[in-house]
Amino acid sequence: MRKVEVAVIGGSGLENLLKGEEQIRVGTPYGLAPLISVGNINGKSVAFLPRHGLHHSVPPHKVNYHANVYAFHKLGAERVIATNAVGAINRRFKVGDFAVPHDFIDFTRLRQPTYYNDEVIHIDVSQPYCPEMRSVLIEKAEKFGVKISAKAVLVCTEGPRYETPAEIEMFRRLGCDMVGMTGIPEAVLARELEMCYATLCFVTNMAAGIQKRLTAEEVATTARDKTPPIQQILRETIKHLPAKRRCPCAHALRDAKLRD
């Protein structure tokens, strides 16, 4: 099976991110992952997986996160860059803004949160997102003049409905800056496989209670508009990732297992 160095997971519109691509299917112990495109960016072998399927037909609460992340692991990827459409809770964000979260809060309820159900593994998430990849994402976004926040707390909800105004007010009081439905358990599963993971978030709407009404079409329109800068940022980030990892992600399991 072809090996890759970097993996990208995101929504529709990123299919033409790669050059010289081929499409492959990867089976995993957790099921079959969506069709994965494999190509290259600046000489690096890169895989792209559409989180919601090729035709955006899989809702956030039914995404097979375990299969998706494991497929990248099986392909040999050591780094995963994600993209997430989010709603802004913090009013300093406006529609169209970008952010690279430094922390998250998990408000999902029904998702399986781990690969380790038969042994006791406690991974450290003091830095939930890879600090090395975060710094490169921020630097390259700023290079293109994109308005981006270098710090943000992302709360992940179960979906598929949007949040209520009362929920958004609760999240605001907890210190959350933005809300989405797909960031978790992706980030955790990648850490459990000692893969680097960071995400580029883009604001598609103000959260419930801040604007009067939310529509899926509004989110889709903003996502389409942001595809070109997202592609630019991803390409430049992948191009400038250091060859050797010097972050804690690569050794996440070293002290995670309880010993008798």
C-alpha atoms as a PDB file:
ATOM      1  CA  MET A   1       0.000   0.000   0.000  1.00  0.00           C
ATOM      2  CA  ARG A   2       1.274   3.464  -0.880  1.00  0.00           C
ATOM      3  CA  LYS A   3       2.735   5.355   2.071  1.00  0.00           C
ATOM      4  CA  VAL A   4       2.016   9.017   2.781  1.00  0.00           C
ATOM      5  CA  GLU A   5       3.716  11.630   4.953  1.00  0.00           C
ATOM      6  CA  VAL A   6       0.875  14.033   5.670  1.00  0.00           C
ATOM      7  CA  ALA A   7      -2.896  13.562   5.796  1.00  0.00           C
ATOM      8  CA  VAL A   8      -5.617  16.161   5.341  1.00  0.00           C
ATOM      9  CA  ILE A   9      -9.190  15.690   6.484  1.00  0.00           C
ATOM     10  CA  GLY A  10     -11.924  18.165   5.691  1.00  0.00           C
ATOM     11  CA  GLY A  11     -15.109  18.997   3.878  1.00  0.00           C
ATOM     12  CA  SER A  12     -16.039  19.281   0.235  1.00  0.00           C
ATOM     13  CA  GLY A  13     -14.151  21.715  -1.987  1.00  0.00           C
ATOM     14  CA  LEU A  14     -10.677  20.427  -1.171  1.00  0.00           C
ATOM     15  CA  GLU A  15     -10.689  17.574  -3.669  1.00  0.00           C
ATOM     16  CA  ASN A  16      -8.331  19.393  -6.057  1.00  0.00           C
ATOM     17  CA  LEU A  17      -5.804  20.156  -3.314  1.00  0.00           C
ATOM     18  CA  LEU A  18      -3.386  17.507  -4.591  1.00  0.00           C
ATOM     19  CA  LYS A  19      -1.420  17.011  -7.814  1.00  0.00           C
ATOM     20  CA  GLY A  20      -0.967  13.665  -9.563  1.00  0.00           C
ATOM     21  CA  GLU A  21      -3.565  12.065  -7.378  1.00  0.00           C
ATOM     22  CA  GLU A  22      -4.911   8.542  -7.303  1.00  0.00           C
ATOM     23  CA  GLN A  23      -7.913   7.358  -5.313  1.00  0.00           C
ATOM     24  CA  ILE A  24      -7.708   4.389  -2.973  1.00  0.00           C
ATOM     25  CA  ARG A  25      -9.864   2.499  -0.502  1.00  0.00           C
ATOM     26  CA  VAL A  26      -8.408   1.617   2.892  1.00  0.00           C
ATOM     27  CA  GLY A  27      -9.963  -1.027   5.095  1.00  0.00           C
ATOM     28  CA  THR A  28      -9.530  -0.795   8.860  1.00  0.00           C
ATOM     29  CA  PRO A  29     -10.614  -2.810  11.932  1.00  0.00           C
ATOM     30  CA  TYR A  30     -13.292  -0.121  12.349  1.00  0.00           C
ATOM     31  CA  GLY A  31     -14.753  -0.328   8.863  1.00  0.00           C
ATOM     32  CA  LEU A  32     -14.025   1.074   5.424  1.00  0.00           C
ATOM     33  CA  ALA A  33     -12.879   4.676   5.240  1.00  0.00           C
ATOM     34  CA  PRO A  34     -14.252   7.001   2.525  1.00  0.00           C
ATOM     35  CA  LEU A  35     -12.413   7.142  -0.769  1.00  0.00           C
ATOM     36  CA  ILE A  36      -8.984   8.689  -0.104  1.00  0.00           C
ATOM     37  CA  SER A  37      -7.106  10.796  -2.647  1.00  0.00           C
ATOM     38  CA  VAL A  38      -3.325  10.432  -2.610  1.00  0.00           C
ATOM     39  CA  GLY A  39      -1.042  12.854  -4.425  1.00  0.00           C
ATOM     40  CA  ASN A  40       1.842  15.184  -3.728  1.00  0.00           C
ATOM     41  CA  ILE A  41       2.519  18.706  -2.551  1.00  0.00           C
ATOM     42  CA  ASN A  42       6.022  20.042  -3.019  1.00  0.00           C
ATOM     43  CA  GLY A  43       7.396  16.520  -3.258  1.00  0.00           C
ATOM     44  CA  LYS A  44       5.623  15.270  -0.151  1.00  0.00           C
ATOM     45  CA  SER A  45       3.143  12.413  -0.408  1.00  0.00           C
ATOM     46  CA  VAL A  46      -0.214  13.634   0.909  1.00  0.00           C
ATOM     47  CA  ALA A  47      -3.581  11.950   1.470  1.00  0.00           C
ATOM     48  CA  PHE A  48      -6.944  13.720   1.543  1.00  0.00           C
ATOM     49  CA  LEU A  49     -10.101  12.235   3.046  1.00  0.00           C
ATOM     50  CA  PRO A  50     -13.547  13.895   2.843  1.00  0.00           C
ATOM     51  CA  ARG A  51     -14.879  13.651   6.388  1.00  0.00           C
ATOM     52  CA  HIS A  52     -18.537  13.529   5.332  1.00  0.00           C
ATOM     53  CA  GLY A  53     -18.023  11.345   2.264  1.00  0.00           C
ATOM     54  CA  LEU A  54     -17.618  12.351  -1.372  1.00  0.00           C
ATOM     55  CA  HIS A  55     -21.086  13.883  -1.601  1.00  0.00           C
ATOM     56  CA  HIS A  56     -21.280  15.251   1.952  1.00  0.00           C
ATOM     57  CA  SER A  57     -23.848  12.611   2.819  1.00  0.00           C
ATOM     58  CA  VAL A  58     -22.624  11.513   6.271  1.00  0.00           C
ATOM     59  CA  PRO A  59     -23.907  13.637   9.191  1.00  0.00           C
ATOM     60  CA  PRO A  60     -21.422  14.622  11.923  1.00  0.00           C
ATOM     61  CA  HIS A  61     -22.768  12.212  14.549  1.00  0.00           C
ATOM     62  CA  LYS A  62     -22.390   9.270  12.136  1.00  0.00           C
ATOM     63  CA  VAL A  63     -18.901   9.986  10.781  1.00  0.00           C
ATOM     64  CA  ASN A  64     -16.690   6.936  11.307  1.00  0.00           C
ATOM     65  CA  TYR A  65     -13.921   8.867  13.036  1.00  0.00           C
ATOM     66  CA  HIS A  66     -12.136   5.680  14.105  1.00  0.00           C
ATOM     67  CA  ALA A  67     -11.882   4.348  10.552  1.00  0.00           C
ATOM     68  CA  ASN A  68     -10.887   7.732   9.121  1.00  0.00           C
ATOM     69  CA  VAL A  69      -7.987   8.337  11.499  1.00  0.00           C
ATOM     70  CA  TYR A  70      -6.860   4.721  11.474  1.00  0.00           C
ATOM     71  CA  ALA A  71      -6.772   4.707   7.669  1.00  0.00           C
ATOM     72  CA  PHE A  72      -4.257   7.552   7.767  1.00  0.00           C
ATOM     73  CA  HIS A  73      -2.244   5.652  10.369  1.00  0.00           C
ATOM     74  CA  LYS A  74      -2.283   2.577   8.154  1.00  0.00           C
ATOM     75  CA  LEU A  75      -0.978   4.672   5.255  1.00  0.00           C
ATOM     76  CA  GLY A  76       1.943   5.748   7.426  1.00  0.00           C
ATOM     77  CA  ALA A  77       0.963   9.390   7.932  1.00  0.00           C
ATOM     78  CA  GLU A  78       2.555  10.969  10.994  1.00  0.00           C
ATOM     79  CA  ARG A  79       0.714  14.276  10.696  1.00  0.00           C
ATOM     80  CA  VAL A  80      -2.976  15.100  10.214  1.00  0.00           C
ATOM     81  CA  ILE A  81      -4.199  18.571   9.292  1.00  0.00           C
ATOM     82  CA  ALA A  82      -7.949  19.063   9.624  1.00  0.00           C
ATOM     83  CA  THR A  83     -10.298  21.820   8.540  1.00  0.00           C
ATOM     84  CA  ASN A  84     -13.478  22.673  10.434  1.00  0.00           C
ATOM     85  CA  ALA A  85     -16.382  24.983   9.700  1.00  0.00           C
ATOM     86  CA  VAL A  86     -17.385  26.605  12.992  1.00  0.00           C
ATOM     87  CA  GLY A  87     -19.836  29.046  14.496  1.00  0.00           C
ATOM     88  CA  ALA A  88     -18.434  32.009  16.421  1.00  0.00           C
ATOM     89  CA  ILE A  89     -19.295  32.302  20.111  1.00  0.00           C
ATOM     90  CA  ASN A  90     -16.768  35.005  20.931  1.00  0.00           C
ATOM     91  CA  ARG A  91     -17.960  38.224  19.310  1.00  0.00           C
ATOM     92  CA  ARG A  92     -14.419  39.233  18.383  1.00  0.00           C
ATOM     93  CA  PHE A  93     -14.741  36.699  15.562  1.00  0.00           C
ATOM     94  CA  LYS A  94     -16.612  37.576  12.397  1.00  0.00           C
ATOM     95  CA  VAL A  95     -17.876  35.450   9.527  1.00  0.00           C
ATOM     96  CA  GLY A  96     -14.928  34.597   7.300  1.00  0.00           C
ATOM     97  CA  ASP A  97     -12.306  34.739  10.056  1.00  0.00           C
ATOM     98  CA  PHE A  98      -9.850  31.901  10.633  1.00  0.00           C
ATOM     99  CA  ALA A  99      -8.508  30.390  13.840  1.00  0.00           C
ATOM    100  CA  VAL A 100      -6.126  27.643  14.892  1.00  0.00           C
ATOM    101  CA  PRO A 101      -7.503  26.328  18.213  1.00  0.00           C
ATOM    102  CA  HIS A 102      -5.154  25.664  21.106  1.00  0.00           C
ATOM    103  CA  ASP A 103      -7.689  23.800  23.254  1.00  0.00           C
ATOM    104  CA  PHE A 104     -11.086  22.104  23.114  1.00  0.00           C
ATOM    105  CA  ILE A 105     -14.071  21.170  25.250  1.00  0.00           C
ATOM    106  CA  ASP A 106     -15.922  17.957  24.411  1.00  0.00           C
ATOM    107  CA  PHE A 107     -19.719  18.137  24.625  1.00  0.00           C
ATOM    108  CA  THR A 108     -20.400  15.097  22.455  1.00  0.00           C
ATOM    109  CA  ARG A 109     -22.478  12.392  24.125  1.00  0.00           C
ATOM    110  CA  LEU A 110     -22.729   9.270  21.968  1.00  0.00           C
ATOM    111  CA  ARG A 111     -19.339   8.986  20.251  1.00  0.00           C
ATOM    112  CA  GLN A 112     -16.824   6.317  21.151  1.00  0.00           C
ATOM    113  CA  PRO A 113     -13.915   8.422  22.511  1.00  0.00           C
ATOM    114  CA  THR A 114     -10.980   6.010  22.291  1.00  0.00           C
ATOM    115  CA  TYR A 115      -9.251   3.128  20.527  1.00  0.00           C
ATOM    116  CA  TYR A 116      -8.348   1.580  23.878  1.00  0.00           C
ATOM    117  CA  ASN A 117     -11.389  -0.159  25.311  1.00  0.00           C
ATOM    118  CA  ASP A 118      -9.560  -3.269  26.511  1.00  0.00           C
ATOM    119  CA  GLU A 119      -6.623  -1.688  28.329  1.00  0.00           C
ATOM    120  CA  VAL A 120      -6.094   1.345  30.549  1.00  0.00           C
ATOM    121  CA  ILE A 121      -4.485   4.136  28.538  1.00  0.00           C
ATOM    122  CA  HIS A 122      -4.525   7.753  29.725  1.00  0.00           C
ATOM    123  CA  ILE A 123      -3.021  10.027  27.074  1.00  0.00           C
ATOM    124  CA  ASP A 124      -1.882  13.502  28.033  1.00  0.00           C
ATOM    125  CA  VAL A 125      -3.811  16.320  26.350  1.00  0.00           C
ATOM    126  CA  SER A 126      -2.200  19.256  28.111  1.00  0.00           C
ATOM    127  CA  GLN A 127      -1.521  20.435  24.560  1.00  0.00           C
ATOM    128  CA  PRO A 128      -4.479  18.920  22.658  1.00  0.00           C
ATOM    129  CA  TYR A 129      -3.237  20.124  19.285  1.00  0.00           C
ATOM    130  CA  CYS A 130       0.277  19.669  17.936  1.00  0.00           C
ATOM    131  CA  PRO A 131       2.203  22.862  18.836  1.00  0.00           C
ATOM    132  CA  GLU A 132       4.605  22.388  15.943  1.00  0.00           C
ATOM    133  CA  MET A 133       1.892  22.182  13.288  1.00  0.00           C
ATOM    134  CA  ARG A 134      -0.114  24.976  14.900  1.00  0.00           C
ATOM    135  CA  SER A 135       2.803  27.392  14.598  1.00  0.00           C
ATOM    136  CA  VAL A 136       3.302  26.586  10.899  1.00  0.00           C
ATOM    137  CA  LEU A 137      -0.428  26.938  10.132  1.00  0.00           C
ATOM    138  CA  ILE A 138      -0.550  30.340  11.833  1.00  0.00           C
ATOM    139  CA  GLU A 139       2.619  31.569  10.145  1.00  0.00           C
ATOM    140  CA  LYS A 140       1.473  30.568   6.665  1.00  0.00           C
ATOM    141  CA  ALA A 141      -2.019  32.018   7.119  1.00  0.00           C
ATOM    142  CA  GLU A 142      -0.497  35.335   8.175  1.00  0.00           C
ATOM    143  CA  LYS A 143       1.749  35.218   5.105  1.00  0.00           C
ATOM    144  CA  PHE A 144      -1.357  35.366   2.892  1.00  0.00           C
ATOM    145  CA  GLY A 145      -2.822  38.257   4.858  1.00  0.00           C
ATOM    146  CA  VAL A 146      -5.614  36.108   6.265  1.00  0.00           C
ATOM    147  CA  LYS A 147      -7.189  37.318   9.508  1.00  0.00           C
ATOM    148  CA  ILE A 148      -6.411  34.459  11.886  1.00  0.00           C
ATOM    149  CA  SER A 149      -6.471  33.942  15.621  1.00  0.00           C
ATOM    150  CA  ALA A 150      -3.565  32.015  17.136  1.00  0.00           C
ATOM    151  CA  LYS A 151      -5.581  31.004  20.186  1.00  0.00           C
ATOM    152  CA  ALA A 152      -9.151  29.753  20.514  1.00  0.00           C
ATOM    153  CA  VAL A 153     -11.104  27.197  22.503  1.00  0.00           C
ATOM    154  CA  LEU A 154     -13.259  24.990  20.290  1.00  0.00           C
ATOM    155  CA  VAL A 155     -16.276  23.228  21.779  1.00  0.00           C
ATOM    156  CA  CYS A 156     -17.539  20.168  19.913  1.00  0.00           C
ATOM    157  CA  THR A 157     -21.219  19.265  20.098  1.00  0.00           C
ATOM    158  CA  GLU A 158     -23.011  16.113  18.993  1.00  0.00           C
ATOM    159  CA  GLY A 159     -25.143  17.572  16.218  1.00  0.00           C
ATOM    160  CA  PRO A 160     -26.708  17.310  13.764  1.00  0.00           C
ATOM    161  CA  ARG A 161     -28.923  20.127  15.009  1.00  0.00           C
ATOM    162  CA  TYR A 162     -27.485  23.552  15.686  1.00  0.00           C
ATOM    163  CA  GLU A 163     -27.088  24.629  19.292  1.00  0.00           C
ATOM    164  CA  THR A 164     -29.692  26.610  21.236  1.00  0.00           C
ATOM    165  CA  PRO A 165     -29.040  30.192  22.402  1.00  0.00           C
ATOM    166  CA  ALA A 166     -28.952  28.936  26.014  1.00  0.00           C
ATOM    167  CA  GLU A 167     -26.310  26.344  25.126  1.00  0.00           C
ATOM    168  CA  ILE A 168     -24.213  28.953  23.360  1.00  0.00           C
ATOM    169  CA  GLU A 169     -24.462  31.247  26.389  1.00  0.00           C
ATOM    170  CA  MET A 170     -23.310  28.356  28.593  1.00  0.00           C
ATOM    171  CA  PHE A 171     -20.353  27.693  26.291  1.00  0.00           C
ATOM    172  CA  ARG A 172     -19.477  31.391  26.315  1.00  0.00           C
ATOM    173  CA  ARG A 173     -19.384  31.397  30.121  1.00  0.00           C
ATOM    174  CA  LEU A 174     -17.144  28.331  30.024  1.00  0.00           C
ATOM    175  CA  GLY A 175     -14.640  30.233  27.904  1.00  0.00           C
ATOM    176  CA  CYS A 176     -15.395  28.728  24.492  1.00  0.00           C
ATOM    177  CA  ASP A 177     -14.696  30.856  21.436  1.00  0.00           C
ATOM    178  CA  MET A 178     -16.214  28.752  18.655  1.00  0.00           C
ATOM    179  CA  VAL A 179     -18.411  25.718  18.182  1.00  0.00           C
ATOM    180  CA  GLY A 180     -18.412  22.846  15.698  1.00  0.00           C
ATOM    181  CA  MET A 181     -19.625  19.266  15.352  1.00  0.00           C
ATOM    182  CA  THR A 182     -16.638  17.332  13.995  1.00  0.00           C
ATOM    183  CA  GLY A 183     -13.462  18.146  15.929  1.00  0.00           C
ATOM    184  CA  ILE A 184     -13.842  15.378  18.503  1.00  0.00           C
ATOM    185  CA  PRO A 185     -12.939  12.517  18.780  1.00  0.00           C
ATOM    186  CA  GLU A 186     -10.673  13.124  15.756  1.00  0.00           C
ATOM    187  CA  ALA A 187      -8.025  15.006  17.723  1.00  0.00           C
ATOM    188  CA  VAL A 188      -8.004  12.451  20.536  1.00  0.00           C
ATOM    189  CA  LEU A 189      -7.824   9.424  18.248  1.00  0.00           C
ATOM    190  CA  ALA A 190      -4.873  10.905  16.374  1.00  0.00           C
ATOM    191  CA  ARG A 191      -3.030  11.468  19.668  1.00  0.00           C
ATOM    192  CA  GLU A 192      -3.720   7.869  20.704  1.00  0.00           C
ATOM    193  CA  LEU A 193      -1.947   6.734  17.526  1.00  0.00           C
ATOM    194  CA  GLU A 194       0.936   9.163  18.199  1.00  0.00           C
ATOM    195  CA  MET A 195       0.040  11.261  15.177  1.00  0.00           C
ATOM    196  CA  CYS A 196       0.353  15.032  15.130  1.00  0.00           C
ATOM    197  CA  TYR A 197      -3.011  16.769  14.713  1.00  0.00           C
ATOM    198  CA  ALA A 198      -3.991  20.413  14.280  1.00  0.00           C
ATOM    199  CA  THR A 199      -6.996  22.065  12.715  1.00  0.00           C
ATOM    200  CA  LEU A 200      -7.667  25.176  10.674  1.00  0.00           C
ATOM    201  CA  CYS A 201     -11.086  26.536  11.597  1.00  0.00           C
ATOM    202  CA  PHE A 202     -13.055  29.046   9.564  1.00  0.00           C
ATOM    203  CA  VAL A 203     -16.103  30.931  10.842  1.00  0.00           C
ATOM    204  CA  THR A 204     -19.182  30.344   8.701  1.00  0.00           C
ATOM    205  CA  ASN A 205     -21.750  31.977  10.991  1.00  0.00           C
ATOM    206  CA  MET A 206     -22.287  33.592  14.343  1.00  0.00           C
ATOM    207  CA  ALA A 207     -23.664  31.097  16.845  1.00  0.00           C
ATOM    208  CA  ALA A 208     -27.313  30.853  17.931  1.00  0.00           C
ATOM    209  CA  GLY A 209     -28.529  33.846  19.887  1.00  0.00           C
ATOM    210  CA  ILE A 210     -25.917  36.108  18.304  1.00  0.00           C
ATOM    211  CA  GLN A 211     -27.591  36.044  14.904  1.00  0.00           C
ATOM    212  CA  LYS A 212     -31.329  35.505  14.566  1.00  0.00           C
ATOM    213  CA  ARG A 213     -31.369  32.355  12.445  1.00  0.00           C
ATOM    214  CA  LEU A 214     -28.934  29.690  11.234  1.00  0.00           C
ATOM    215  CA  THR A 215     -29.157  27.939   7.876  1.00  0.00           C
ATOM    216  CA  ALA A 216     -27.149  25.142   6.293  1.00  0.00           C
ATOM    217  CA  GLU A 217     -26.988  27.107   3.029  1.00  0.00           C
ATOM    218  CA  GLU A 218     -25.291  30.020   4.778  1.00  0.00           C
ATOM    219  CA  VAL A 219     -22.626  27.663   6.123  1.00  0.00           C
ATOM    220  CA  ALA A 220     -22.122  26.025   2.717  1.00  0.00           C
ATOM    221  CA  THR A 221     -21.810  29.372   0.918  1.00  0.00           C
ATOM    222  CA  THR A 222     -19.139  30.670   3.287  1.00  0.00           C
ATOM    223  CA  ALA A 223     -17.282  27.361   3.103  1.00  0.00           C
ATOM    224  CA  ARG A 224     -17.175  27.612  -0.713  1.00  0.00           C
ATOM    225  CA  ASP A 225     -15.900  31.183  -0.537  1.00  0.00           C
ATOM    226  CA  LYS A 226     -13.107  30.178   1.825  1.00  0.00           C
ATOM    227  CA  THR A 227     -11.888  27.195  -0.204  1.00  0.00           C
ATOM    228  CA  PRO A 228      -9.145  29.082  -2.139  1.00  0.00           C
ATOM    229  CA  PRO A 229      -7.388  30.563   0.936  1.00  0.00           C
ATOM    230  CA  ILE A 230      -7.773  27.259   2.795  1.00  0.00           C
ATOM    231  CA  GLN A 231      -6.024  25.456  -0.042  1.00  0.00           C
ATOM    232  CA  GLN A 232      -3.235  28.039  -0.097  1.00  0.00           C
ATOM    233  CA  ILE A 233      -2.668  27.771   3.650  1.00  0.00           C
ATOM    234  CA  LEU A 234      -2.681  23.973   3.577  1.00  0.00           C
ATOM    235  CA  ARG A 235      -0.237  23.759   0.677  1.00  0.00           C
ATOM    236  CA  GLU A 236       2.197  26.189   2.268  1.00  0.00           C
ATOM    237  CA  THR A 237       1.893  24.518   5.661  1.00  0.00           C
ATOM    238  CA  ILE A 238       2.606  21.077   4.225  1.00  0.00           C
ATOM    239  CA  LYS A 239       5.512  22.471   2.224  1.00  0.00           C
ATOM    240  CA  HIS A 240       7.174  23.931   5.320  1.00  0.00           C
ATOM    241  CA  LEU A 241       6.547  21.215   7.889  1.00  0.00           C
ATOM    242  CA  PRO A 242       9.920  20.148   9.320  1.00  0.00           C
ATOM    243  CA  ALA A 243      11.160  16.734   8.241  1.00  0.00           C
ATOM    244  CA  LYS A 244      11.588  15.546  11.828  1.00  0.00           C
ATOM    245  CA  ARG A 245       8.945  15.873  14.503  1.00  0.00           C
ATOM    246  CA  ARG A 246      10.055  17.612  17.712  1.00  0.00           C
ATOM    247  CA  CYS A 247       6.724  17.667  19.513  1.00  0.00           C
ATOM    248  CA  PRO A 248       5.168  15.555  22.301  1.00  0.00           C
ATOM    249  CA  CYS A 249       2.685  13.915  19.912  1.00  0.00           C
ATOM    250  CA  ALA A 250       5.233  11.376  18.668  1.00  0.00           C
ATOM    251  CA  HIS A 251       5.615   9.897  22.177  1.00  0.00           C
ATOM    252  CA  ALA A 252       2.051  10.190  23.450  1.00  0.00           C
ATOM    253  CA  LEU A 253       1.863   6.573  24.613  1.00  0.00           C
ATOM    254  CA  ARG A 254       5.219   6.538  26.417  1.00  0.00           C
ATOM    255  CA  ASP A 255       3.791   7.348  29.869  1.00  0.00           C
ATOM    256  CA  ALA A 256       0.107   6.734  29.155  1.00  0.00           C
ATOM    257  CA  LYS A 257      -0.226   3.163  30.401  1.00  0.00           C
ATOM    258  CA  LEU A 258      -0.690   2.324  34.066  1.00  0.00           C
ATOM    259  CA  ARG A 259       1.899  -0.092  35.353  1.00  0.00           C
ATOM    260  CA  ASP A 260       1.351  -2.519  38.223  1.00  0.00           C
END
